[in-house]
Amino acid sequence: MKKVIVLIILIGASYFLSAQGSSENNDEIKFNVGHFLATSTIGFAYEHYINEDTSIGGDIYFDNKATDYNGNFGLGANIRAYFGYEPRSGFFAEAFGLYYTGEDDIPDNNLGQRNVDYSTLALGLGGGFKLVTFSERFTVELNGGFGRNISPEDYQDTFMYKAGLSVGFRF
């Protein structure tokens, strides 16, 4: 419950941070279709445009398999810079932070497999491409990123990755 409250605060804060956008559609909500089809993970993202080539946002995902590569729950924030010819579209680069939780199976010679719960924070860089309809209402986005866990345990990977194919709606 605390994690959902943090996401709501993040979305509310990003809405009030920018009143200087020139377009009517400064907010966007997205569903990560690619992640859902590949791993049955449910992921949503929110993006608020500060100006025509910069945005801040957050994402959240839930997964029923705690041993997946990025755990069973994740909550993150990002800042993006767009490099397209059209405002708020085209190629982008981002810096992100991601907090995620999960489980890892550790082989134990005496007891067999042992599950260990973990939670970690990762920082990373990413990029992608966004297509926007002529009405600037609907979007399709392909993105990816690579990050490093801040303080991984012995059984955790030092590096993490993220990827997605999202469809979005601007309002």
N, C-alpha and C. Protein backbone atom coordinates (compact mmCIF):
# COMPACT_ATOMS: atom_id res chain seq x y z
N MET A 1 0.82 -1.19 0.00
CA MET A 1 0.00 0.00 0.00
C MET A 1 0.87 1.25 0.00
N LYS A 2 1.98 1.21 0.73
CA LYS A 2 2.86 2.37 0.78
C LYS A 2 3.43 2.69 -0.59
N LYS A 3 3.68 1.65 -1.37
CA LYS A 3 4.27 1.84 -2.69
C LYS A 3 3.29 2.54 -3.63
N VAL A 4 2.02 2.21 -3.53
CA VAL A 4 1.00 2.86 -4.36
C VAL A 4 0.87 4.33 -3.97
N ILE A 5 0.93 4.61 -2.68
CA ILE A 5 0.84 6.00 -2.21
C ILE A 5 2.02 6.81 -2.73
N VAL A 6 3.22 6.20 -2.74
CA VAL A 6 4.41 6.89 -3.26
C VAL A 6 4.22 7.22 -4.74
N LEU A 7 3.66 6.27 -5.51
CA LEU A 7 3.42 6.52 -6.93
C LEU A 7 2.42 7.65 -7.13
N ILE A 8 1.37 7.69 -6.34
CA ILE A 8 0.38 8.76 -6.47
C ILE A 8 1.00 10.11 -6.14
N ILE A 9 1.85 10.16 -5.12
CA ILE A 9 2.54 11.41 -4.78
C ILE A 9 3.46 11.84 -5.91
N LEU A 10 4.17 10.87 -6.52
CA LEU A 10 5.06 11.18 -7.64
C LEU A 10 4.29 11.76 -8.82
N ILE A 11 3.17 11.16 -9.14
CA ILE A 11 2.35 11.66 -10.25
C ILE A 11 1.80 13.05 -9.92
N GLY A 12 1.31 13.24 -8.71
CA GLY A 12 0.78 14.55 -8.32
C GLY A 12 1.84 15.63 -8.32
N ALA A 13 3.03 15.30 -7.83
CA ALA A 13 4.12 16.28 -7.80
C ALA A 13 4.56 16.66 -9.20
N SER A 14 4.64 15.68 -10.10
CA SER A 14 5.07 16.00 -11.45
C SER A 14 4.02 16.84 -12.19
N TYR A 15 2.76 16.68 -11.82
CA TYR A 15 1.71 17.49 -12.45
C TYR A 15 1.85 18.95 -12.05
N PHE A 16 2.17 19.21 -10.80
CA PHE A 16 2.27 20.59 -10.32
C PHE A 16 3.62 21.23 -10.59
N LEU A 17 4.63 20.44 -10.95
CA LEU A 17 5.96 21.00 -11.20
C LEU A 17 6.01 21.86 -12.45
N SER A 18 5.14 21.57 -13.40
CA SER A 18 5.24 22.30 -14.66
C SER A 18 3.90 22.89 -15.06
N ALA A 19 3.84 24.18 -15.08
CA ALA A 19 2.67 24.86 -15.60
C ALA A 19 3.06 25.64 -16.84
N GLN A 20 4.26 25.40 -17.37
CA GLN A 20 4.77 26.20 -18.48
C GLN A 20 4.66 25.51 -19.83
N GLY A 21 4.09 24.29 -19.91
CA GLY A 21 3.97 23.61 -21.19
C GLY A 21 3.05 24.36 -22.13
N SER A 22 3.36 24.33 -23.42
CA SER A 22 2.58 25.09 -24.38
C SER A 22 1.45 24.26 -24.98
N SER A 23 1.55 22.97 -24.96
CA SER A 23 0.53 22.13 -25.56
C SER A 23 -0.55 21.79 -24.53
N GLU A 24 -1.70 21.38 -25.03
CA GLU A 24 -2.78 21.00 -24.13
C GLU A 24 -2.54 19.63 -23.51
N ASN A 25 -1.87 18.75 -24.22
CA ASN A 25 -1.68 17.37 -23.78
C ASN A 25 -0.32 17.21 -23.11
N ASN A 26 -0.21 17.64 -21.87
CA ASN A 26 1.07 17.58 -21.16
C ASN A 26 1.27 16.29 -20.38
N ASP A 27 0.27 15.44 -20.30
CA ASP A 27 0.36 14.22 -19.51
C ASP A 27 0.09 13.01 -20.40
N GLU A 28 0.74 11.91 -20.06
CA GLU A 28 0.57 10.68 -20.84
C GLU A 28 0.61 9.49 -19.89
N ILE A 29 -0.30 8.55 -20.11
CA ILE A 29 -0.30 7.30 -19.37
C ILE A 29 -0.11 6.17 -20.38
N LYS A 30 0.72 5.18 -20.00
CA LYS A 30 1.10 4.12 -20.93
C LYS A 30 0.94 2.75 -20.30
N PHE A 31 0.66 1.76 -21.13
CA PHE A 31 0.62 0.36 -20.73
C PHE A 31 1.70 -0.38 -21.50
N ASN A 32 2.54 -1.13 -20.79
CA ASN A 32 3.65 -1.84 -21.41
C ASN A 32 3.16 -3.17 -21.98
N VAL A 33 2.74 -3.14 -23.23
CA VAL A 33 2.19 -4.32 -23.90
C VAL A 33 3.27 -5.37 -24.13
N GLY A 34 4.46 -4.95 -24.52
CA GLY A 34 5.54 -5.89 -24.79
C GLY A 34 5.94 -6.70 -23.58
N HIS A 35 6.05 -6.05 -22.44
CA HIS A 35 6.40 -6.73 -21.20
C HIS A 35 5.29 -7.70 -20.80
N PHE A 36 4.05 -7.31 -21.03
CA PHE A 36 2.91 -8.17 -20.69
C PHE A 36 2.90 -9.42 -21.56
N LEU A 37 3.12 -9.25 -22.86
CA LEU A 37 3.09 -10.40 -23.77
C LEU A 37 4.28 -11.34 -23.54
N ALA A 38 5.44 -10.79 -23.21
CA ALA A 38 6.64 -11.61 -23.03
C ALA A 38 6.67 -12.34 -21.69
N THR A 39 6.25 -11.67 -20.60
CA THR A 39 6.41 -12.26 -19.27
C THR A 39 5.15 -12.20 -18.41
N SER A 40 4.04 -11.78 -18.94
CA SER A 40 2.76 -11.59 -18.22
C SER A 40 2.89 -10.60 -17.07
N THR A 41 3.83 -9.66 -17.18
CA THR A 41 3.99 -8.59 -16.19
C THR A 41 3.07 -7.44 -16.55
N ILE A 42 2.38 -6.90 -15.57
CA ILE A 42 1.50 -5.77 -15.78
C ILE A 42 2.27 -4.51 -15.40
N GLY A 43 2.49 -3.64 -16.38
CA GLY A 43 3.27 -2.44 -16.14
C GLY A 43 2.61 -1.20 -16.70
N PHE A 44 2.57 -0.15 -15.90
CA PHE A 44 2.02 1.14 -16.30
C PHE A 44 3.07 2.21 -16.10
N ALA A 45 2.98 3.25 -16.90
CA ALA A 45 3.90 4.38 -16.77
C ALA A 45 3.12 5.68 -16.94
N TYR A 46 3.66 6.72 -16.34
CA TYR A 46 3.10 8.06 -16.44
C TYR A 46 4.23 8.99 -16.86
N GLU A 47 3.92 9.92 -17.75
CA GLU A 47 4.92 10.89 -18.20
C GLU A 47 4.30 12.27 -18.26
N HIS A 48 5.02 13.24 -17.71
CA HIS A 48 4.58 14.63 -17.75
C HIS A 48 5.63 15.44 -18.50
N TYR A 49 5.18 16.20 -19.50
CA TYR A 49 6.09 16.98 -20.34
C TYR A 49 6.33 18.34 -19.71
N ILE A 50 7.57 18.62 -19.41
CA ILE A 50 7.96 19.91 -18.85
C ILE A 50 7.99 20.95 -19.95
N ASN A 51 8.54 20.58 -21.10
CA ASN A 51 8.51 21.42 -22.29
C ASN A 51 8.51 20.49 -23.51
N GLU A 52 8.81 21.00 -24.69
CA GLU A 52 8.67 20.19 -25.90
C GLU A 52 9.71 19.09 -26.05
N ASP A 53 10.81 19.17 -25.32
CA ASP A 53 11.83 18.13 -25.47
C ASP A 53 12.30 17.52 -24.15
N THR A 54 11.59 17.76 -23.05
CA THR A 54 11.97 17.21 -21.75
C THR A 54 10.73 16.74 -21.01
N SER A 55 10.86 15.60 -20.34
CA SER A 55 9.75 15.10 -19.54
C SER A 55 10.28 14.39 -18.30
N ILE A 56 9.40 14.25 -17.31
CA ILE A 56 9.68 13.44 -16.13
C ILE A 56 8.56 12.43 -16.01
N GLY A 57 8.85 11.32 -15.39
CA GLY A 57 7.81 10.31 -15.30
C GLY A 57 8.11 9.26 -14.26
N GLY A 58 7.21 8.32 -14.17
CA GLY A 58 7.35 7.21 -13.25
C GLY A 58 6.72 5.97 -13.83
N ASP A 59 7.15 4.82 -13.37
CA ASP A 59 6.55 3.58 -13.80
C ASP A 59 6.43 2.62 -12.64
N ILE A 60 5.50 1.69 -12.79
CA ILE A 60 5.24 0.69 -11.78
C ILE A 60 4.90 -0.61 -12.50
N TYR A 61 5.37 -1.73 -11.95
CA TYR A 61 5.00 -3.01 -12.54
C TYR A 61 4.78 -4.04 -11.44
N PHE A 62 3.94 -5.02 -11.77
CA PHE A 62 3.61 -6.12 -10.89
C PHE A 62 3.79 -7.42 -11.66
N ASP A 63 4.34 -8.42 -11.02
CA ASP A 63 4.56 -9.71 -11.64
C ASP A 63 4.25 -10.78 -10.62
N ASN A 64 3.69 -11.88 -11.06
CA ASN A 64 3.35 -12.95 -10.15
C ASN A 64 4.52 -13.90 -9.88
N LYS A 65 5.63 -13.70 -10.60
CA LYS A 65 6.79 -14.58 -10.45
C LYS A 65 7.92 -13.80 -9.80
N ALA A 66 8.16 -14.05 -8.53
CA ALA A 66 9.16 -13.29 -7.78
C ALA A 66 10.59 -13.59 -8.23
N THR A 67 10.80 -14.70 -8.94
CA THR A 67 12.16 -15.06 -9.36
C THR A 67 12.49 -14.55 -10.76
N ASP A 68 11.64 -13.75 -11.38
CA ASP A 68 11.95 -13.17 -12.70
C ASP A 68 13.15 -12.24 -12.58
N TYR A 69 13.69 -11.85 -13.73
CA TYR A 69 14.94 -11.08 -13.76
C TYR A 69 14.87 -9.77 -13.00
N ASN A 70 13.72 -9.08 -12.98
CA ASN A 70 13.59 -7.83 -12.24
C ASN A 70 12.57 -7.95 -11.12
N GLY A 71 12.42 -9.13 -10.55
CA GLY A 71 11.57 -9.31 -9.39
C GLY A 71 10.08 -9.29 -9.69
N ASN A 72 9.30 -9.16 -8.61
CA ASN A 72 7.85 -9.20 -8.76
C ASN A 72 7.17 -7.85 -8.57
N PHE A 73 7.91 -6.83 -8.16
CA PHE A 73 7.35 -5.48 -8.02
C PHE A 73 8.45 -4.47 -8.30
N GLY A 74 8.11 -3.44 -9.03
CA GLY A 74 9.07 -2.38 -9.30
C GLY A 74 8.40 -1.02 -9.33
N LEU A 75 9.11 -0.03 -8.86
CA LEU A 75 8.63 1.35 -8.84
C LEU A 75 9.81 2.23 -9.23
N GLY A 76 9.63 3.06 -10.26
CA GLY A 76 10.76 3.85 -10.74
C GLY A 76 10.37 5.24 -11.17
N ALA A 77 11.40 6.06 -11.37
CA ALA A 77 11.24 7.43 -11.87
C ALA A 77 12.27 7.66 -12.96
N ASN A 78 11.97 8.60 -13.87
CA ASN A 78 12.92 8.89 -14.94
C ASN A 78 12.80 10.34 -15.38
N ILE A 79 13.82 10.79 -16.09
CA ILE A 79 13.81 12.08 -16.76
C ILE A 79 14.29 11.82 -18.18
N ARG A 80 13.59 12.40 -19.16
CA ARG A 80 13.89 12.14 -20.57
C ARG A 80 14.17 13.42 -21.33
N ALA A 81 15.01 13.26 -22.36
CA ALA A 81 15.28 14.33 -23.32
C ALA A 81 14.97 13.78 -24.71
N TYR A 82 14.14 14.49 -25.47
CA TYR A 82 13.72 14.05 -26.81
C TYR A 82 14.56 14.76 -27.86
N PHE A 83 14.86 14.02 -28.96
CA PHE A 83 15.70 14.54 -30.02
C PHE A 83 15.01 14.45 -31.39
N GLY A 84 13.69 14.37 -31.44
CA GLY A 84 12.97 14.24 -32.69
C GLY A 84 12.72 15.58 -33.36
N TYR A 85 12.30 15.51 -34.61
CA TYR A 85 11.96 16.73 -35.34
C TYR A 85 10.63 17.30 -34.88
N GLU A 86 9.74 16.44 -34.44
CA GLU A 86 8.46 16.86 -33.91
C GLU A 86 8.57 16.96 -32.39
N PRO A 87 7.84 17.86 -31.76
CA PRO A 87 7.90 17.97 -30.29
C PRO A 87 7.39 16.69 -29.62
N ARG A 88 8.04 16.27 -28.54
CA ARG A 88 7.61 15.17 -27.70
C ARG A 88 7.52 13.83 -28.42
N SER A 89 8.39 13.63 -29.39
CA SER A 89 8.40 12.37 -30.12
C SER A 89 9.78 12.13 -30.70
N GLY A 90 9.96 10.98 -31.31
CA GLY A 90 11.23 10.62 -31.91
C GLY A 90 12.14 9.93 -30.92
N PHE A 91 13.43 10.03 -31.16
CA PHE A 91 14.41 9.39 -30.29
C PHE A 91 14.50 10.13 -28.95
N PHE A 92 14.75 9.37 -27.89
CA PHE A 92 14.93 9.97 -26.58
C PHE A 92 16.01 9.23 -25.80
N ALA A 93 16.60 9.93 -24.86
CA ALA A 93 17.54 9.35 -23.89
C ALA A 93 16.98 9.62 -22.51
N GLU A 94 17.23 8.70 -21.58
CA GLU A 94 16.69 8.88 -20.24
C GLU A 94 17.67 8.42 -19.18
N ALA A 95 17.53 9.00 -18.00
CA ALA A 95 18.20 8.54 -16.80
C ALA A 95 17.08 8.06 -15.88
N PHE A 96 17.28 6.91 -15.24
CA PHE A 96 16.21 6.36 -14.42
C PHE A 96 16.74 5.79 -13.11
N GLY A 97 15.84 5.69 -12.18
CA GLY A 97 16.05 5.00 -10.92
C GLY A 97 14.94 3.99 -10.76
N LEU A 98 15.25 2.81 -10.25
CA LEU A 98 14.25 1.75 -10.12
C LEU A 98 14.45 1.01 -8.81
N TYR A 99 13.40 0.97 -8.00
CA TYR A 99 13.39 0.16 -6.78
C TYR A 99 12.58 -1.08 -7.11
N TYR A 100 13.13 -2.26 -6.86
CA TYR A 100 12.37 -3.47 -7.13
C TYR A 100 12.65 -4.54 -6.08
N THR A 101 11.68 -5.46 -5.95
CA THR A 101 11.76 -6.54 -4.97
C THR A 101 11.57 -7.87 -5.69
N GLY A 102 12.01 -8.94 -5.06
CA GLY A 102 11.84 -10.26 -5.65
C GLY A 102 12.41 -11.34 -4.75
N GLU A 103 12.60 -12.52 -5.33
CA GLU A 103 13.18 -13.67 -4.66
C GLU A 103 14.26 -14.26 -5.53
N ASP A 104 15.21 -14.93 -4.90
CA ASP A 104 16.24 -15.63 -5.64
C ASP A 104 16.37 -17.03 -5.06
N ASP A 105 16.50 -18.04 -5.93
CA ASP A 105 16.72 -19.41 -5.50
C ASP A 105 18.21 -19.64 -5.34
N ILE A 106 18.63 -20.04 -4.17
CA ILE A 106 20.04 -20.29 -3.89
C ILE A 106 20.20 -21.79 -3.59
N PRO A 107 21.06 -22.48 -4.33
CA PRO A 107 21.27 -23.89 -4.02
C PRO A 107 22.03 -24.05 -2.69
N ASP A 108 21.53 -24.92 -1.85
CA ASP A 108 22.17 -25.23 -0.58
C ASP A 108 22.47 -26.73 -0.58
N ASN A 109 23.71 -27.09 -0.37
CA ASN A 109 24.10 -28.50 -0.47
C ASN A 109 23.36 -29.39 0.52
N ASN A 110 23.01 -28.89 1.68
CA ASN A 110 22.36 -29.71 2.68
C ASN A 110 20.83 -29.66 2.61
N LEU A 111 20.29 -28.53 2.20
CA LEU A 111 18.84 -28.34 2.27
C LEU A 111 18.15 -28.29 0.91
N GLY A 112 18.87 -28.32 -0.18
CA GLY A 112 18.27 -28.19 -1.50
C GLY A 112 18.17 -26.72 -1.89
N GLN A 113 17.08 -26.32 -2.54
CA GLN A 113 16.89 -24.93 -2.95
C GLN A 113 16.37 -24.11 -1.78
N ARG A 114 16.81 -22.86 -1.70
CA ARG A 114 16.40 -21.96 -0.62
C ARG A 114 16.02 -20.63 -1.26
N ASN A 115 14.87 -20.09 -0.90
CA ASN A 115 14.42 -18.80 -1.43
C ASN A 115 14.89 -17.67 -0.52
N VAL A 116 15.42 -16.61 -1.13
CA VAL A 116 15.87 -15.45 -0.39
C VAL A 116 15.18 -14.22 -0.97
N ASP A 117 14.44 -13.49 -0.12
CA ASP A 117 13.78 -12.26 -0.56
C ASP A 117 14.80 -11.14 -0.62
N TYR A 118 14.62 -10.23 -1.58
CA TYR A 118 15.51 -9.08 -1.68
C TYR A 118 14.74 -7.86 -2.14
N SER A 119 15.29 -6.71 -1.87
CA SER A 119 14.82 -5.44 -2.42
C SER A 119 16.07 -4.63 -2.71
N THR A 120 16.06 -3.94 -3.84
CA THR A 120 17.26 -3.23 -4.24
C THR A 120 16.89 -1.98 -5.04
N LEU A 121 17.84 -1.11 -5.17
CA LEU A 121 17.69 0.12 -5.94
C LEU A 121 18.73 0.12 -7.04
N ALA A 122 18.29 0.44 -8.25
CA ALA A 122 19.21 0.49 -9.39
C ALA A 122 19.12 1.86 -10.05
N LEU A 123 20.24 2.33 -10.56
CA LEU A 123 20.31 3.57 -11.34
C LEU A 123 20.84 3.22 -12.72
N GLY A 124 20.30 3.87 -13.75
CA GLY A 124 20.76 3.52 -15.08
C GLY A 124 20.41 4.54 -16.14
N LEU A 125 20.79 4.19 -17.37
CA LEU A 125 20.54 5.00 -18.55
C LEU A 125 19.77 4.17 -19.57
N GLY A 126 18.97 4.84 -20.36
CA GLY A 126 18.19 4.14 -21.36
C GLY A 126 17.90 5.04 -22.54
N GLY A 127 17.17 4.49 -23.47
CA GLY A 127 16.78 5.24 -24.65
C GLY A 127 15.66 4.54 -25.37
N GLY A 128 15.20 5.16 -26.42
CA GLY A 128 14.12 4.56 -27.19
C GLY A 128 13.62 5.48 -28.27
N PHE A 129 12.45 5.12 -28.80
CA PHE A 129 11.82 5.87 -29.88
C PHE A 129 10.33 5.91 -29.63
N LYS A 130 9.72 7.09 -29.84
CA LYS A 130 8.28 7.27 -29.64
C LYS A 130 7.64 7.79 -30.91
N LEU A 131 6.56 7.13 -31.33
CA LEU A 131 5.74 7.57 -32.46
C LEU A 131 4.45 8.14 -31.90
N VAL A 132 3.99 9.24 -32.51
CA VAL A 132 2.79 9.92 -32.04
C VAL A 132 1.83 10.08 -33.22
N THR A 133 0.53 9.92 -32.97
CA THR A 133 -0.46 10.14 -34.02
C THR A 133 -0.54 11.63 -34.36
N PHE A 134 -1.16 11.95 -35.49
CA PHE A 134 -1.29 13.35 -35.91
C PHE A 134 -2.08 14.18 -34.91
N SER A 135 -3.02 13.56 -34.22
CA SER A 135 -3.81 14.30 -33.22
C SER A 135 -3.05 14.48 -31.90
N GLU A 136 -1.87 13.86 -31.79
CA GLU A 136 -1.05 13.89 -30.58
C GLU A 136 -1.79 13.35 -29.37
N ARG A 137 -2.66 12.36 -29.59
CA ARG A 137 -3.40 11.74 -28.50
C ARG A 137 -2.86 10.34 -28.17
N PHE A 138 -2.45 9.58 -29.16
CA PHE A 138 -2.02 8.20 -28.96
C PHE A 138 -0.55 8.05 -29.32
N THR A 139 0.14 7.19 -28.57
CA THR A 139 1.57 6.99 -28.79
C THR A 139 1.91 5.51 -28.79
N VAL A 140 3.00 5.19 -29.46
CA VAL A 140 3.62 3.87 -29.41
C VAL A 140 5.09 4.10 -29.12
N GLU A 141 5.61 3.40 -28.14
CA GLU A 141 6.98 3.64 -27.68
C GLU A 141 7.74 2.32 -27.55
N LEU A 142 8.96 2.32 -28.03
CA LEU A 142 9.89 1.20 -27.87
C LEU A 142 11.07 1.72 -27.07
N ASN A 143 11.36 1.08 -25.91
CA ASN A 143 12.44 1.59 -25.07
C ASN A 143 13.23 0.46 -24.44
N GLY A 144 14.39 0.81 -23.94
CA GLY A 144 15.25 -0.13 -23.24
C GLY A 144 16.22 0.62 -22.36
N GLY A 145 16.78 -0.08 -21.39
CA GLY A 145 17.73 0.56 -20.48
C GLY A 145 18.60 -0.46 -19.78
N PHE A 146 19.69 0.02 -19.26
CA PHE A 146 20.67 -0.81 -18.58
C PHE A 146 21.09 -0.07 -17.32
N GLY A 147 21.05 -0.77 -16.19
CA GLY A 147 21.37 -0.12 -14.93
C GLY A 147 22.24 -0.98 -14.03
N ARG A 148 22.67 -0.37 -12.95
CA ARG A 148 23.51 -1.06 -11.97
C ARG A 148 22.83 -1.00 -10.61
N ASN A 149 22.77 -2.15 -9.95
CA ASN A 149 22.22 -2.21 -8.60
C ASN A 149 23.18 -1.51 -7.64
N ILE A 150 22.64 -0.69 -6.77
CA ILE A 150 23.44 0.11 -5.85
C ILE A 150 24.25 -0.76 -4.88
N SER A 151 23.58 -1.67 -4.21
CA SER A 151 24.27 -2.53 -3.24
C SER A 151 23.73 -3.96 -3.35
N PRO A 152 24.14 -4.69 -4.38
CA PRO A 152 23.60 -6.04 -4.55
C PRO A 152 24.15 -7.02 -3.50
N GLU A 153 23.32 -7.99 -3.17
CA GLU A 153 23.76 -9.08 -2.29
C GLU A 153 24.62 -10.04 -3.11
N ASP A 154 25.24 -10.99 -2.43
CA ASP A 154 26.11 -11.94 -3.12
C ASP A 154 25.36 -12.75 -4.17
N TYR A 155 24.10 -13.04 -3.94
CA TYR A 155 23.32 -13.87 -4.85
C TYR A 155 22.63 -13.06 -5.95
N GLN A 156 22.72 -11.75 -5.94
CA GLN A 156 22.06 -10.89 -6.92
C GLN A 156 23.01 -10.52 -8.05
N ASP A 157 22.42 -10.23 -9.20
CA ASP A 157 23.20 -9.70 -10.31
C ASP A 157 23.60 -8.27 -10.02
N THR A 158 24.75 -7.87 -10.49
CA THR A 158 25.21 -6.50 -10.30
C THR A 158 24.49 -5.56 -11.25
N PHE A 159 24.16 -6.04 -12.44
CA PHE A 159 23.52 -5.21 -13.45
C PHE A 159 22.10 -5.68 -13.69
N MET A 160 21.27 -4.77 -14.15
CA MET A 160 19.88 -5.08 -14.50
C MET A 160 19.55 -4.41 -15.82
N TYR A 161 18.49 -4.85 -16.44
CA TYR A 161 18.04 -4.24 -17.69
C TYR A 161 16.53 -4.10 -17.67
N LYS A 162 16.05 -3.25 -18.53
CA LYS A 162 14.61 -3.09 -18.70
C LYS A 162 14.32 -2.84 -20.16
N ALA A 163 13.15 -3.24 -20.59
CA ALA A 163 12.75 -3.06 -21.98
C ALA A 163 11.24 -2.98 -22.04
N GLY A 164 10.74 -2.38 -23.10
CA GLY A 164 9.29 -2.30 -23.22
C GLY A 164 8.82 -1.84 -24.58
N LEU A 165 7.61 -2.23 -24.88
CA LEU A 165 6.86 -1.76 -26.04
C LEU A 165 5.53 -1.29 -25.47
N SER A 166 5.31 0.02 -25.44
CA SER A 166 4.16 0.58 -24.74
C SER A 166 3.24 1.32 -25.69
N VAL A 167 1.96 1.30 -25.37
CA VAL A 167 0.97 2.12 -26.05
C VAL A 167 0.47 3.13 -25.03
N GLY A 168 0.27 4.36 -25.47
CA GLY A 168 -0.09 5.40 -24.52
C GLY A 168 -1.19 6.31 -25.01
N PHE A 169 -1.71 7.06 -24.07
CA PHE A 169 -2.77 8.04 -24.33
C PHE A 169 -2.39 9.34 -23.64
N ARG A 170 -2.41 10.42 -24.41
CA ARG A 170 -2.11 11.75 -23.86
C ARG A 170 -3.38 12.49 -23.52
N PHE A 171 -3.31 13.22 -22.44
CA PHE A 171 -4.46 14.02 -22.01
C PHE A 171 -4.01 15.32 -21.42
